N, C-alpha and C. Protein backbone atom coordinates (compact mmCIF):
# COMPACT_ATOMS: atom_id res chain seq x y z
N MET A 1 33.28 12.44 99.72
CA MET A 1 32.56 12.89 98.57
C MET A 1 32.75 11.87 97.44
N ASN A 2 31.63 11.45 96.85
CA ASN A 2 31.67 10.42 95.82
C ASN A 2 31.25 11.04 94.49
N THR A 3 32.09 10.95 93.48
CA THR A 3 31.80 11.50 92.17
C THR A 3 31.34 10.37 91.25
N LYS A 4 30.16 10.53 90.67
CA LYS A 4 29.64 9.51 89.76
C LYS A 4 29.70 10.06 88.34
N GLY A 5 30.07 9.22 87.43
CA GLY A 5 30.14 9.62 86.03
C GLY A 5 28.95 9.09 85.25
N PHE A 6 28.95 9.38 83.99
CA PHE A 6 27.86 8.93 83.12
C PHE A 6 27.94 7.44 82.84
N THR A 7 29.09 6.84 83.04
CA THR A 7 29.25 5.43 82.69
C THR A 7 28.44 4.52 83.60
N GLU A 8 28.14 4.96 84.80
CA GLU A 8 27.38 4.13 85.72
C GLU A 8 25.89 4.12 85.39
N ASN A 9 25.40 5.12 84.67
CA ASN A 9 23.97 5.23 84.38
C ASN A 9 23.60 4.75 82.99
N THR A 10 24.51 4.18 82.24
CA THR A 10 24.21 3.79 80.86
C THR A 10 23.47 2.47 80.83
N GLU A 11 22.61 2.33 79.83
CA GLU A 11 21.90 1.09 79.59
C GLU A 11 22.15 0.68 78.15
N ASN A 12 22.29 -0.57 77.92
CA ASN A 12 22.48 -1.06 76.56
C ASN A 12 21.13 -1.27 75.90
N ILE A 13 20.88 -0.52 74.86
CA ILE A 13 19.64 -0.65 74.12
C ILE A 13 20.00 -1.20 72.76
N GLU A 14 19.51 -2.38 72.46
CA GLU A 14 19.82 -3.01 71.19
C GLU A 14 18.68 -2.77 70.21
N THR A 15 19.03 -2.49 68.97
CA THR A 15 18.03 -2.32 67.93
C THR A 15 17.63 -3.68 67.40
N PRO A 16 16.39 -3.85 66.98
CA PRO A 16 15.98 -5.14 66.44
C PRO A 16 16.65 -5.41 65.09
N ASN A 17 16.97 -6.63 64.86
CA ASN A 17 17.64 -7.02 63.62
C ASN A 17 16.62 -7.61 62.64
N ASP A 18 15.58 -6.86 62.34
CA ASP A 18 14.55 -7.32 61.43
C ASP A 18 14.95 -6.89 60.01
N ILE A 19 15.38 -7.82 59.21
CA ILE A 19 15.88 -7.51 57.87
C ILE A 19 14.75 -7.08 56.95
N ASN A 20 13.56 -7.65 57.09
CA ASN A 20 12.45 -7.32 56.20
C ASN A 20 12.05 -5.85 56.31
N VAL A 21 12.07 -5.30 57.49
CA VAL A 21 11.69 -3.91 57.68
C VAL A 21 12.74 -2.98 57.11
N SER A 22 14.01 -3.31 57.28
CA SER A 22 15.07 -2.43 56.83
C SER A 22 15.22 -2.43 55.31
N GLU A 23 14.76 -3.47 54.63
CA GLU A 23 14.88 -3.52 53.18
C GLU A 23 13.80 -2.71 52.47
N LYS A 24 12.70 -2.42 53.16
CA LYS A 24 11.63 -1.65 52.55
C LYS A 24 12.04 -0.19 52.45
N PRO A 25 11.70 0.48 51.36
CA PRO A 25 12.02 1.91 51.27
C PRO A 25 11.13 2.72 52.20
N LEU A 26 11.63 3.86 52.63
CA LEU A 26 10.86 4.71 53.53
C LEU A 26 9.66 5.32 52.83
N ASN A 27 9.80 5.67 51.56
CA ASN A 27 8.70 6.25 50.80
C ASN A 27 8.33 5.28 49.69
N PRO A 28 7.18 4.59 49.80
CA PRO A 28 6.84 3.57 48.82
C PRO A 28 6.35 4.14 47.48
N SER A 29 6.21 5.46 47.35
CA SER A 29 5.70 6.02 46.10
C SER A 29 6.74 5.91 45.00
N LYS A 30 6.26 5.97 43.79
CA LYS A 30 7.13 5.84 42.62
C LYS A 30 8.00 7.09 42.48
N ILE A 31 9.28 6.89 42.23
CA ILE A 31 10.21 7.99 42.07
C ILE A 31 10.11 8.49 40.63
N SER A 32 9.81 9.79 40.48
CA SER A 32 9.65 10.33 39.14
C SER A 32 11.00 10.84 38.63
N SER A 33 11.04 11.09 37.34
CA SER A 33 12.29 11.50 36.72
C SER A 33 12.55 12.99 36.89
N GLY A 34 11.63 13.73 37.45
CA GLY A 34 11.84 15.16 37.67
C GLY A 34 11.26 16.03 36.57
N ARG A 35 10.63 15.44 35.59
CA ARG A 35 10.03 16.23 34.51
C ARG A 35 8.65 16.71 34.93
N VAL A 36 8.30 17.90 34.44
CA VAL A 36 7.01 18.49 34.77
C VAL A 36 6.28 18.78 33.46
N ASP A 37 4.98 18.47 33.43
CA ASP A 37 4.17 18.74 32.25
C ASP A 37 3.80 20.22 32.23
N ILE A 38 4.08 20.90 31.13
CA ILE A 38 3.83 22.33 31.03
C ILE A 38 2.34 22.64 31.06
N ASN A 39 1.51 21.73 30.57
CA ASN A 39 0.06 21.95 30.57
C ASN A 39 -0.50 21.95 31.99
N VAL A 40 0.07 21.12 32.85
CA VAL A 40 -0.37 21.09 34.25
C VAL A 40 -0.01 22.41 34.92
N LEU A 41 1.18 22.90 34.66
CA LEU A 41 1.60 24.18 35.24
C LEU A 41 0.73 25.33 34.74
N LYS A 42 0.40 25.31 33.44
CA LYS A 42 -0.45 26.36 32.88
C LYS A 42 -1.84 26.33 33.50
N SER A 43 -2.39 25.14 33.68
CA SER A 43 -3.74 25.05 34.26
C SER A 43 -3.74 25.51 35.72
N LYS A 44 -2.69 25.19 36.47
CA LYS A 44 -2.61 25.67 37.85
C LYS A 44 -2.49 27.19 37.89
N LEU A 45 -1.71 27.75 36.98
CA LEU A 45 -1.55 29.20 36.92
C LEU A 45 -2.85 29.88 36.54
N GLU A 46 -3.57 29.33 35.57
CA GLU A 46 -4.85 29.91 35.16
C GLU A 46 -5.88 29.83 36.30
N ALA A 47 -5.89 28.74 37.04
CA ALA A 47 -6.82 28.61 38.16
C ALA A 47 -6.50 29.63 39.25
N GLU A 48 -5.22 29.84 39.49
CA GLU A 48 -4.81 30.83 40.50
C GLU A 48 -5.17 32.24 40.06
N LYS A 49 -4.96 32.54 38.77
CA LYS A 49 -5.32 33.87 38.26
C LYS A 49 -6.83 34.08 38.30
N SER A 50 -7.59 33.05 38.00
CA SER A 50 -9.04 33.14 38.03
C SER A 50 -9.54 33.42 39.44
N LYS A 51 -8.96 32.74 40.41
CA LYS A 51 -9.35 32.96 41.80
C LYS A 51 -9.00 34.38 42.24
N GLU A 52 -7.83 34.85 41.85
CA GLU A 52 -7.41 36.21 42.22
C GLU A 52 -8.29 37.25 41.52
N PHE A 53 -8.68 37.00 40.27
CA PHE A 53 -9.54 37.93 39.53
C PHE A 53 -10.91 38.04 40.19
N ARG A 54 -11.50 36.89 40.60
CA ARG A 54 -12.79 36.92 41.29
C ARG A 54 -12.70 37.69 42.60
N LYS A 55 -11.60 37.52 43.30
CA LYS A 55 -11.40 38.24 44.56
C LYS A 55 -11.32 39.74 44.31
N ASN A 56 -10.60 40.14 43.27
CA ASN A 56 -10.46 41.56 42.95
C ASN A 56 -11.79 42.17 42.51
N ILE A 57 -12.59 41.43 41.73
CA ILE A 57 -13.90 41.91 41.31
C ILE A 57 -14.81 42.10 42.52
N PHE A 58 -14.76 41.16 43.46
CA PHE A 58 -15.58 41.26 44.66
C PHE A 58 -15.19 42.51 45.47
N ILE A 59 -13.92 42.74 45.66
CA ILE A 59 -13.47 43.91 46.42
C ILE A 59 -13.85 45.20 45.70
N PHE A 60 -13.67 45.24 44.39
CA PHE A 60 -14.01 46.43 43.62
C PHE A 60 -15.51 46.73 43.69
N SER A 61 -16.35 45.69 43.52
CA SER A 61 -17.80 45.91 43.56
C SER A 61 -18.25 46.32 44.97
N PHE A 62 -17.62 45.78 46.00
CA PHE A 62 -17.95 46.17 47.37
C PHE A 62 -17.60 47.64 47.60
N CYS A 63 -16.45 48.08 47.10
CA CYS A 63 -16.06 49.48 47.27
C CYS A 63 -17.01 50.42 46.51
N VAL A 64 -17.40 50.05 45.28
CA VAL A 64 -18.32 50.87 44.50
C VAL A 64 -19.67 50.94 45.21
N LEU A 65 -20.15 49.82 45.70
CA LEU A 65 -21.43 49.79 46.42
C LEU A 65 -21.35 50.63 47.70
N LEU A 66 -20.25 50.55 48.41
CA LEU A 66 -20.07 51.32 49.62
C LEU A 66 -20.03 52.82 49.32
N LEU A 67 -19.29 53.21 48.29
CA LEU A 67 -19.23 54.63 47.92
C LEU A 67 -20.59 55.14 47.45
N GLY A 68 -21.32 54.32 46.71
CA GLY A 68 -22.66 54.70 46.25
C GLY A 68 -23.62 54.88 47.41
N SER A 69 -23.57 53.96 48.36
CA SER A 69 -24.48 54.08 49.50
C SER A 69 -24.11 55.27 50.39
N ILE A 70 -22.83 55.54 50.54
CA ILE A 70 -22.43 56.73 51.31
C ILE A 70 -22.86 58.00 50.60
N GLY A 71 -22.74 58.02 49.27
CA GLY A 71 -23.16 59.17 48.48
C GLY A 71 -24.66 59.41 48.60
N ILE A 72 -25.45 58.37 48.53
CA ILE A 72 -26.91 58.50 48.67
C ILE A 72 -27.26 58.95 50.09
N PHE A 73 -26.59 58.40 51.09
CA PHE A 73 -26.87 58.78 52.47
C PHE A 73 -26.54 60.26 52.73
N LEU A 74 -25.45 60.73 52.20
CA LEU A 74 -25.04 62.11 52.42
C LEU A 74 -25.89 63.11 51.60
N SER A 75 -26.48 62.66 50.52
CA SER A 75 -27.28 63.56 49.71
C SER A 75 -28.70 63.76 50.29
N LEU A 76 -29.10 62.89 51.18
CA LEU A 76 -30.40 63.02 51.79
C LEU A 76 -30.40 64.05 52.82
């Protein structure tokens, strides 16, 4: 019986020594200081509220229209 270990199956894989690639940052975008403009946040919040308000108006008008049509149908 012959027992083989992991040492017999290893291969040496060398990484390339390209200095130019390693010196470049992974994310080339400008690093910000972490400050946020309050006007941008307000405009995003207002846009989100506006979208939610339109959705609520649509649902409300659909329900009123549905109740009205059911009422007319049942009264006939």
